[in-house]
PDB file of all heavy atoms in Angstrom:
ATOM      1  N   ILE A   1       4.318 -19.825   5.843  1.00  0.00           N
ATOM      2  CA  ILE A   1       5.736 -19.700   5.314  1.00  0.00           C
ATOM      3  C   ILE A   1       6.677 -20.139   6.309  1.00  0.00           C
ATOM      4  O   ILE A   1       7.591 -20.957   6.002  1.00  0.00           O
ATOM      5  CB  ILE A   1       5.926 -18.137   4.977  1.00  0.00           C
ATOM      6  CG1 ILE A   1       4.950 -17.716   3.963  1.00  0.00           C
ATOM      7  CG2 ILE A   1       7.394 -18.005   4.535  1.00  0.00           C
ATOM      8  CD1 ILE A   1       4.977 -18.437   2.636  1.00  0.00           C
ATOM      9  N   ILE A   2       6.513 -19.750   7.578  1.00  0.00           N
ATOM     10  CA  ILE A   2       7.463 -20.154   8.669  1.00  0.00           C
ATOM     11  C   ILE A   2       7.455 -21.630   8.852  1.00  0.00           C
ATOM     12  O   ILE A   2       8.507 -22.206   9.100  1.00  0.00           O
ATOM     13  CB  ILE A   2       7.090 -19.348   9.983  1.00  0.00           C
ATOM     14  CG1 ILE A   2       7.398 -17.905   9.726  1.00  0.00           C
ATOM     15  CG2 ILE A   2       7.897 -19.931  11.145  1.00  0.00           C
ATOM     16  CD1 ILE A   2       6.829 -17.012  10.854  1.00  0.00           C
ATOM     17  N   ASP A   3       6.275 -22.278   8.788  1.00  0.00           N
ATOM     18  CA  ASP A   3       6.271 -23.764   8.962  1.00  0.00           C
ATOM     19  C   ASP A   3       7.095 -24.453   7.921  1.00  0.00           C
ATOM     20  O   ASP A   3       7.595 -25.593   8.120  1.00  0.00           O
ATOM     21  CB  ASP A   3       4.760 -24.226   8.773  1.00  0.00           C
ATOM     22  CG  ASP A   3       3.982 -23.998  10.123  1.00  0.00           C
ATOM     23  OD1 ASP A   3       4.571 -23.834  11.172  1.00  0.00           O
ATOM     24  OD2 ASP A   3       2.740 -24.004  10.004  1.00  0.00           O
ATOM     25  N   ASN A   4       7.342 -23.887   6.803  1.00  0.00           N
ATOM     26  CA  ASN A   4       8.031 -24.555   5.645  1.00  0.00           C
ATOM     27  C   ASN A   4       9.594 -24.378   5.740  1.00  0.00           C
ATOM     28  O   ASN A   4      10.251 -24.892   4.945  1.00  0.00           O
ATOM     29  CB  ASN A   4       7.524 -24.106   4.350  1.00  0.00           C
ATOM     30  CG  ASN A   4       6.102 -24.551   4.005  1.00  0.00           C
ATOM     31  OD1 ASN A   4       5.802 -25.727   4.376  1.00  0.00           O
ATOM     32  ND2 ASN A   4       5.367 -23.780   3.353  1.00  0.00           N
ATOM     33  N   ILE A   5      10.053 -23.690   6.693  1.00  0.00           N
ATOM     34  CA  ILE A   5      11.473 -23.411   6.941  1.00  0.00           C
ATOM     35  C   ILE A   5      11.994 -24.016   8.181  1.00  0.00           C
ATOM     36  O   ILE A   5      11.659 -23.590   9.249  1.00  0.00           O
ATOM     37  CB  ILE A   5      11.826 -21.963   6.903  1.00  0.00           C
ATOM     38  CG1 ILE A   5      11.200 -21.283   5.636  1.00  0.00           C
ATOM     39  CG2 ILE A   5      13.336 -21.689   6.929  1.00  0.00           C
ATOM     40  CD1 ILE A   5      11.405 -19.831   5.524  1.00  0.00           C
ATOM     41  N   PRO A   6      12.756 -25.154   8.097  1.00  0.00           N
ATOM     42  CA  PRO A   6      13.274 -25.778   9.401  1.00  0.00           C
ATOM     43  C   PRO A   6      14.339 -25.040   9.965  1.00  0.00           C
ATOM     44  O   PRO A   6      15.060 -24.293   9.318  1.00  0.00           O
ATOM     45  CB  PRO A   6      13.705 -27.167   8.880  1.00  0.00           C
ATOM     46  CG  PRO A   6      14.225 -26.833   7.436  1.00  0.00           C
ATOM     47  CD  PRO A   6      13.222 -25.876   6.921  1.00  0.00           C
ATOM     48  N   PRO A   7      14.511 -25.099  11.293  1.00  0.00           N
ATOM     49  CA  PRO A   7      15.511 -24.325  12.018  1.00  0.00           C
ATOM     50  C   PRO A   7      16.941 -24.584  11.528  1.00  0.00           C
ATOM     51  O   PRO A   7      17.708 -23.718  11.485  1.00  0.00           O
ATOM     52  CB  PRO A   7      15.337 -24.836  13.483  1.00  0.00           C
ATOM     53  CG  PRO A   7      13.925 -25.205  13.508  1.00  0.00           C
ATOM     54  CD  PRO A   7      13.598 -25.811  12.222  1.00  0.00           C
ATOM     55  N   VAL A   8      17.199 -25.806  11.062  1.00  0.00           N
ATOM     56  CA  VAL A   8      18.524 -26.126  10.549  1.00  0.00           C
ATOM     57  C   VAL A   8      18.947 -25.353   9.331  1.00  0.00           C
ATOM     58  O   VAL A   8      20.137 -25.244   9.039  1.00  0.00           O
ATOM     59  CB  VAL A   8      18.698 -27.625  10.324  1.00  0.00           C
ATOM     60  CG1 VAL A   8      18.541 -28.538  11.617  1.00  0.00           C
ATOM     61  CG2 VAL A   8      17.744 -28.143   9.231  1.00  0.00           C
ATOM     62  N   ALA A   9      17.951 -24.799   8.621  1.00  0.00           N
ATOM     63  CA  ALA A   9      18.328 -24.075   7.365  1.00  0.00           C
ATOM     64  C   ALA A   9      18.491 -22.582   7.659  1.00  0.00           C
ATOM     65  O   ALA A   9      18.970 -21.904   6.723  1.00  0.00           O
ATOM     66  CB  ALA A   9      17.067 -24.231   6.452  1.00  0.00           C
ATOM     67  N   ILE A  10      18.382 -22.160   8.809  1.00  0.00           N
ATOM     68  CA  ILE A  10      18.369 -20.742   9.087  1.00  0.00           C
ATOM     69  C   ILE A  10      19.698 -20.203   9.664  1.00  0.00           C
ATOM     70  O   ILE A  10      20.303 -20.842  10.501  1.00  0.00           O
ATOM     71  CB  ILE A  10      17.205 -20.332  10.091  1.00  0.00           C
ATOM     72  CG1 ILE A  10      15.883 -20.683   9.578  1.00  0.00           C
ATOM     73  CG2 ILE A  10      17.318 -18.874  10.538  1.00  0.00           C
ATOM     74  CD1 ILE A  10      14.766 -20.586  10.600  1.00  0.00           C
ATOM     75  N   GLN A  11      20.197 -19.092   9.047  1.00  0.00           N
ATOM     76  CA  GLN A  11      21.401 -18.432   9.524  1.00  0.00           C
ATOM     77  C   GLN A  11      21.104 -17.424  10.548  1.00  0.00           C
ATOM     78  O   GLN A  11      21.784 -17.332  11.590  1.00  0.00           O
ATOM     79  CB  GLN A  11      22.163 -17.894   8.363  1.00  0.00           C
ATOM     80  CG  GLN A  11      23.380 -17.070   8.718  1.00  0.00           C
ATOM     81  CD  GLN A  11      24.461 -17.902   9.320  1.00  0.00           C
ATOM     82  OE1 GLN A  11      24.593 -19.035   9.048  1.00  0.00           O
ATOM     83  NE2 GLN A  11      25.327 -17.304  10.107  1.00  0.00           N
ATOM     84  N   VAL A  12      20.088 -16.584  10.356  1.00  0.00           N
ATOM     85  CA  VAL A  12      19.774 -15.454  11.251  1.00  0.00           C
ATOM     86  C   VAL A  12      18.336 -15.027  10.899  1.00  0.00           C
ATOM     87  O   VAL A  12      17.890 -15.177   9.845  1.00  0.00           O
ATOM     88  CB  VAL A  12      20.670 -14.282  10.983  1.00  0.00           C
ATOM     89  CG1 VAL A  12      20.695 -13.725   9.657  1.00  0.00           C
ATOM     90  CG2 VAL A  12      20.501 -13.187  12.053  1.00  0.00           C
ATOM     91  N   ILE A  13      17.652 -14.493  11.980  1.00  0.00           N
ATOM     92  CA  ILE A  13      16.306 -13.984  11.841  1.00  0.00           C
ATOM     93  C   ILE A  13      16.226 -12.548  12.389  1.00  0.00           C
ATOM     94  O   ILE A  13      16.827 -12.338  13.522  1.00  0.00           O
ATOM     95  CB  ILE A  13      15.263 -14.866  12.599  1.00  0.00           C
ATOM     96  CG1 ILE A  13      15.310 -16.307  12.188  1.00  0.00           C
ATOM     97  CG2 ILE A  13      13.822 -14.292  12.472  1.00  0.00           C
ATOM     98  CD1 ILE A  13      14.499 -17.209  12.934  1.00  0.00           C
ATOM     99  N   GLU A  14      15.560 -11.612  11.685  1.00  0.00           N
ATOM    100  CA  GLU A  14      15.272 -10.345  12.153  1.00  0.00           C
ATOM    101  C   GLU A  14      13.884 -10.213  12.520  1.00  0.00           C
ATOM    102  O   GLU A  14      12.923 -10.612  11.755  1.00  0.00           O
ATOM    103  CB  GLU A  14      15.596  -9.288  11.048  1.00  0.00           C
ATOM    104  CG  GLU A  14      17.053  -9.277  10.565  1.00  0.00           C
ATOM    105  CD  GLU A  14      17.206  -8.290   9.388  1.00  0.00           C
ATOM    106  OE1 GLU A  14      17.299  -7.025   9.751  1.00  0.00           O
ATOM    107  OE2 GLU A  14      17.283  -8.704   8.221  1.00  0.00           O
ATOM    108  N   VAL A  15      13.586  -9.576  13.662  1.00  0.00           N
ATOM    109  CA  VAL A  15      12.177  -9.453  14.119  1.00  0.00           C
ATOM    110  C   VAL A  15      11.906  -7.999  14.374  1.00  0.00           C
ATOM    111  O   VAL A  15      12.661  -7.387  15.164  1.00  0.00           O
ATOM    112  CB  VAL A  15      11.943 -10.351  15.328  1.00  0.00           C
ATOM    113  CG1 VAL A  15      10.441 -10.176  15.778  1.00  0.00           C
ATOM    114  CG2 VAL A  15      12.280 -11.776  15.147  1.00  0.00           C
ATOM    115  N   TYR A  16      10.917  -7.391  13.739  1.00  0.00           N
ATOM    116  CA  TYR A  16      10.579  -6.028  13.954  1.00  0.00           C
ATOM    117  C   TYR A  16       9.070  -5.880  14.358  1.00  0.00           C
ATOM    118  O   TYR A  16       8.219  -6.398  13.589  1.00  0.00           O
ATOM    119  CB  TYR A  16      10.864  -5.213  12.752  1.00  0.00           C
ATOM    120  CG  TYR A  16      12.306  -5.179  12.303  1.00  0.00           C
ATOM    121  CD1 TYR A  16      12.759  -6.070  11.295  1.00  0.00           C
ATOM    122  CD2 TYR A  16      13.303  -4.349  12.953  1.00  0.00           C
ATOM    123  CE1 TYR A  16      14.086  -6.123  10.981  1.00  0.00           C
ATOM    124  CE2 TYR A  16      14.601  -4.372  12.530  1.00  0.00           C
ATOM    125  CZ  TYR A  16      14.990  -5.268  11.510  1.00  0.00           C
ATOM    126  OH  TYR A  16      16.324  -5.287  11.203  1.00  0.00           O
ATOM    127  N   SER A  17       8.814  -5.171  15.405  1.00  0.00           N
ATOM    128  CA  SER A  17       7.404  -5.057  15.863  1.00  0.00           C
ATOM    129  C   SER A  17       7.083  -3.559  15.962  1.00  0.00           C
ATOM    130  O   SER A  17       7.826  -2.779  16.549  1.00  0.00           O
ATOM    131  CB  SER A  17       7.239  -5.658  17.224  1.00  0.00           C
ATOM    132  OG  SER A  17       5.958  -5.387  17.655  1.00  0.00           O
ATOM    133  N   GLY A  18       6.034  -3.175  15.160  1.00  0.00           N
ATOM    134  CA  GLY A  18       5.585  -1.745  15.175  1.00  0.00           C
ATOM    135  C   GLY A  18       6.163  -1.039  13.897  1.00  0.00           C
ATOM    136  O   GLY A  18       7.344  -1.142  13.599  1.00  0.00           O
ATOM    137  N   VAL A  19       5.251  -0.260  13.270  1.00  0.00           N
ATOM    138  CA  VAL A  19       5.718   0.361  12.033  1.00  0.00           C
ATOM    139  C   VAL A  19       6.868   1.354  12.155  1.00  0.00           C
ATOM    140  O   VAL A  19       7.691   1.341  11.298  1.00  0.00           O
ATOM    141  CB  VAL A  19       4.494   1.173  11.482  1.00  0.00           C
ATOM    142  CG1 VAL A  19       4.887   2.032  10.257  1.00  0.00           C
ATOM    143  CG2 VAL A  19       3.285   0.339  11.208  1.00  0.00           C
ATOM    144  N   SER A  20       6.987   1.936  13.336  1.00  0.00           N
ATOM    145  CA  SER A  20       8.100   2.867  13.465  1.00  0.00           C
ATOM    146  C   SER A  20       9.453   2.236  13.621  1.00  0.00           C
ATOM    147  O   SER A  20      10.528   2.818  13.488  1.00  0.00           O
ATOM    148  CB  SER A  20       7.847   3.716  14.800  1.00  0.00           C
ATOM    149  OG  SER A  20       7.821   2.885  15.954  1.00  0.00           O
ATOM    150  N   ARG A  21       9.505   0.866  13.844  1.00  0.00           N
ATOM    151  CA  ARG A  21      10.695   0.162  14.043  1.00  0.00           C
ATOM    152  C   ARG A  21      11.090  -0.585  12.727  1.00  0.00           C
ATOM    153  O   ARG A  21      12.205  -1.104  12.673  1.00  0.00           O
ATOM    154  CB  ARG A  21      10.596  -0.867  15.117  1.00  0.00           C
ATOM    155  CG  ARG A  21      10.484  -0.198  16.482  1.00  0.00           C
ATOM    156  CD  ARG A  21      10.213  -1.239  17.591  1.00  0.00           C
ATOM    157  NE  ARG A  21      10.355  -0.587  18.952  1.00  0.00           N
ATOM    158  CZ  ARG A  21      11.475  -0.517  19.618  1.00  0.00           C
ATOM    159  NH1 ARG A  21      12.583  -1.014  19.144  1.00  0.00           N
ATOM    160  NH2 ARG A  21      11.473   0.112  20.849  1.00  0.00           N
ATOM    161  N   ILE A  22      10.183  -0.748  11.784  1.00  0.00           N
ATOM    162  CA  ILE A  22      10.478  -1.552  10.590  1.00  0.00           C
ATOM    163  C   ILE A  22      11.369  -0.736   9.640  1.00  0.00           C
ATOM    164  O   ILE A  22      11.078   0.434   9.210  1.00  0.00           O
ATOM    165  CB  ILE A  22       9.225  -1.890   9.837  1.00  0.00           C
ATOM    166  CG1 ILE A  22       8.290  -2.764  10.827  1.00  0.00           C
ATOM    167  CG2 ILE A  22       9.448  -2.772   8.668  1.00  0.00           C
ATOM    168  CD1 ILE A  22       6.892  -3.071  10.335  1.00  0.00           C
ATOM    169  N   PRO A  23      12.519  -1.318   9.231  1.00  0.00           N
ATOM    170  CA  PRO A  23      13.324  -0.670   8.266  1.00  0.00           C
ATOM    171  C   PRO A  23      12.623  -0.453   6.906  1.00  0.00           C
ATOM    172  O   PRO A  23      11.677  -1.185   6.568  1.00  0.00           O
ATOM    173  CB  PRO A  23      14.586  -1.700   8.023  1.00  0.00           C
ATOM    174  CG  PRO A  23      14.496  -2.504   9.235  1.00  0.00           C
ATOM    175  CD  PRO A  23      13.051  -2.575   9.688  1.00  0.00           C
ATOM    176  N   GLY A  24      13.069   0.534   6.137  1.00  0.00           N
ATOM    177  CA  GLY A  24      12.406   0.996   4.967  1.00  0.00           C
ATOM    178  C   GLY A  24      12.231  -0.242   3.966  1.00  0.00           C
ATOM    179  O   GLY A  24      11.244  -0.345   3.205  1.00  0.00           O
ATOM    180  N   GLU A  25      13.267  -1.073   3.807  1.00  0.00           N
ATOM    181  CA  GLU A  25      13.238  -2.114   2.842  1.00  0.00           C
ATOM    182  C   GLU A  25      12.164  -3.136   3.124  1.00  0.00           C
ATOM    183  O   GLU A  25      11.800  -3.991   2.240  1.00  0.00           O
ATOM    184  CB  GLU A  25      14.626  -2.768   2.704  1.00  0.00           C
ATOM    185  CG  GLU A  25      15.232  -3.272   4.036  1.00  0.00           C
ATOM    186  CD  GLU A  25      16.129  -2.307   4.585  1.00  0.00           C
ATOM    187  OE1 GLU A  25      15.758  -1.174   4.854  1.00  0.00           O
ATOM    188  OE2 GLU A  25      17.354  -2.697   4.806  1.00  0.00           O
ATOM    189  N   PHE A  26      11.676  -3.206   4.423  1.00  0.00           N
ATOM    190  CA  PHE A  26      10.619  -4.218   4.757  1.00  0.00           C
ATOM    191  C   PHE A  26       9.246  -3.559   4.973  1.00  0.00           C
ATOM    192  O   PHE A  26       8.312  -4.262   5.338  1.00  0.00           O
ATOM    193  CB  PHE A  26      11.050  -4.889   6.069  1.00  0.00           C
ATOM    194  CG  PHE A  26      12.311  -5.606   5.950  1.00  0.00           C
ATOM    195  CD1 PHE A  26      13.304  -5.591   6.940  1.00  0.00           C
ATOM    196  CD2 PHE A  26      12.600  -6.463   4.806  1.00  0.00           C
ATOM    197  CE1 PHE A  26      14.470  -6.324   6.810  1.00  0.00           C
ATOM    198  CE2 PHE A  26      13.829  -7.115   4.727  1.00  0.00           C
ATOM    199  CZ  PHE A  26      14.741  -7.061   5.800  1.00  0.00           C
ATOM    200  N   LEU A  27       9.194  -2.213   4.789  1.00  0.00           N
ATOM    201  CA  LEU A  27       7.994  -1.563   5.192  1.00  0.00           C
ATOM    202  C   LEU A  27       6.953  -1.690   4.008  1.00  0.00           C
ATOM    203  O   LEU A  27       6.791  -0.834   3.167  1.00  0.00           O
ATOM    204  CB  LEU A  27       8.235  -0.067   5.416  1.00  0.00           C
ATOM    205  CG  LEU A  27       7.117   0.705   6.133  1.00  0.00           C
ATOM    206  CD1 LEU A  27       6.724   0.065   7.484  1.00  0.00           C
ATOM    207  CD2 LEU A  27       7.588   2.173   6.375  1.00  0.00           C
ATOM    208  N   ASN A  28       6.216  -2.783   3.959  1.00  0.00           N
ATOM    209  CA  ASN A  28       5.270  -3.124   2.865  1.00  0.00           C
ATOM    210  C   ASN A  28       3.975  -3.636   3.472  1.00  0.00           C
ATOM    211  O   ASN A  28       3.803  -4.830   3.730  1.00  0.00           O
ATOM    212  CB  ASN A  28       5.898  -4.196   1.962  1.00  0.00           C
ATOM    213  CG  ASN A  28       5.053  -4.437   0.720  1.00  0.00           C
ATOM    214  OD1 ASN A  28       3.856  -4.223   0.720  1.00  0.00           O
ATOM    215  ND2 ASN A  28       5.738  -4.926  -0.368  1.00  0.00           N
ATOM    216  N   ASP A  29       3.107  -2.658   3.866  1.00  0.00           N
ATOM    217  CA  ASP A  29       1.791  -3.029   4.365  1.00  0.00           C
ATOM    218  C   ASP A  29       2.014  -3.958   5.617  1.00  0.00           C
ATOM    219  O   ASP A  29       1.381  -5.089   5.716  1.00  0.00           O
ATOM    220  CB  ASP A  29       0.939  -3.749   3.312  1.00  0.00           C
ATOM    221  CG  ASP A  29      -0.506  -3.998   3.864  1.00  0.00           C
ATOM    222  OD1 ASP A  29      -0.965  -3.212   4.712  1.00  0.00           O
ATOM    223  OD2 ASP A  29      -1.211  -4.981   3.429  1.00  0.00           O
ATOM    224  N   ALA A  30       2.823  -3.561   6.515  1.00  0.00           N
ATOM    225  CA  ALA A  30       3.102  -4.471   7.642  1.00  0.00           C
ATOM    226  C   ALA A  30       3.102  -3.677   8.941  1.00  0.00           C
ATOM    227  O   ALA A  30       3.419  -2.512   9.013  1.00  0.00           O
ATOM    228  CB  ALA A  30       4.557  -5.004   7.507  1.00  0.00           C
ATOM    229  N   CYS A  31       2.606  -4.363  10.010  1.00  0.00           N
ATOM    230  CA  CYS A  31       2.699  -3.847  11.316  1.00  0.00           C
ATOM    231  C   CYS A  31       3.831  -4.522  12.118  1.00  0.00           C
ATOM    232  O   CYS A  31       4.192  -4.090  13.130  1.00  0.00           O
ATOM    233  CB  CYS A  31       1.394  -4.078  12.099  1.00  0.00           C
ATOM    234  SG  CYS A  31       0.971  -5.806  12.448  1.00  0.00           S
ATOM    235  N   ALA A  32       4.333  -5.635  11.542  1.00  0.00           N
ATOM    236  CA  ALA A  32       5.451  -6.388  12.095  1.00  0.00           C
ATOM    237  C   ALA A  32       6.064  -7.133  10.954  1.00  0.00           C
ATOM    238  O   ALA A  32       5.429  -7.570  10.010  1.00  0.00           O
ATOM    239  CB  ALA A  32       5.009  -7.300  13.237  1.00  0.00           C
ATOM    240  N   VAL A  33       7.384  -7.470  11.138  1.00  0.00           N
ATOM    241  CA  VAL A  33       8.143  -8.134  10.040  1.00  0.00           C
ATOM    242  C   VAL A  33       8.969  -9.233  10.718  1.00  0.00           C
ATOM    243  O   VAL A  33       9.673  -9.012  11.745  1.00  0.00           O
ATOM    244  CB  VAL A  33       8.984  -7.178   9.232  1.00  0.00           C
ATOM    245  CG1 VAL A  33      10.097  -7.953   8.433  1.00  0.00           C
ATOM    246  CG2 VAL A  33       8.174  -6.318   8.390  1.00  0.00           C
ATOM    247  N   VAL A  34       8.944 -10.438  10.065  1.00  0.00           N
ATOM    248  CA  VAL A  34       9.912 -11.443  10.378  1.00  0.00           C
ATOM    249  C   VAL A  34      10.791 -11.670   9.157  1.00  0.00           C
ATOM    250  O   VAL A  34      10.255 -12.108   8.117  1.00  0.00           O
ATOM    251  CB  VAL A  34       9.234 -12.784  10.834  1.00  0.00           C
ATOM    252  CG1 VAL A  34      10.270 -13.929  11.020  1.00  0.00           C
ATOM    253  CG2 VAL A  34       8.407 -12.557  12.050  1.00  0.00           C
TER     254      VAL A  34
END
């Protein structure tokens, strides 16, 4: 997925590592979220 998005197209990136840090809207079978 990441390979298909060039940097020029991006406004902002959120990075969350660890289940306790992931916001509820992104907590979907994840240990980390980009």
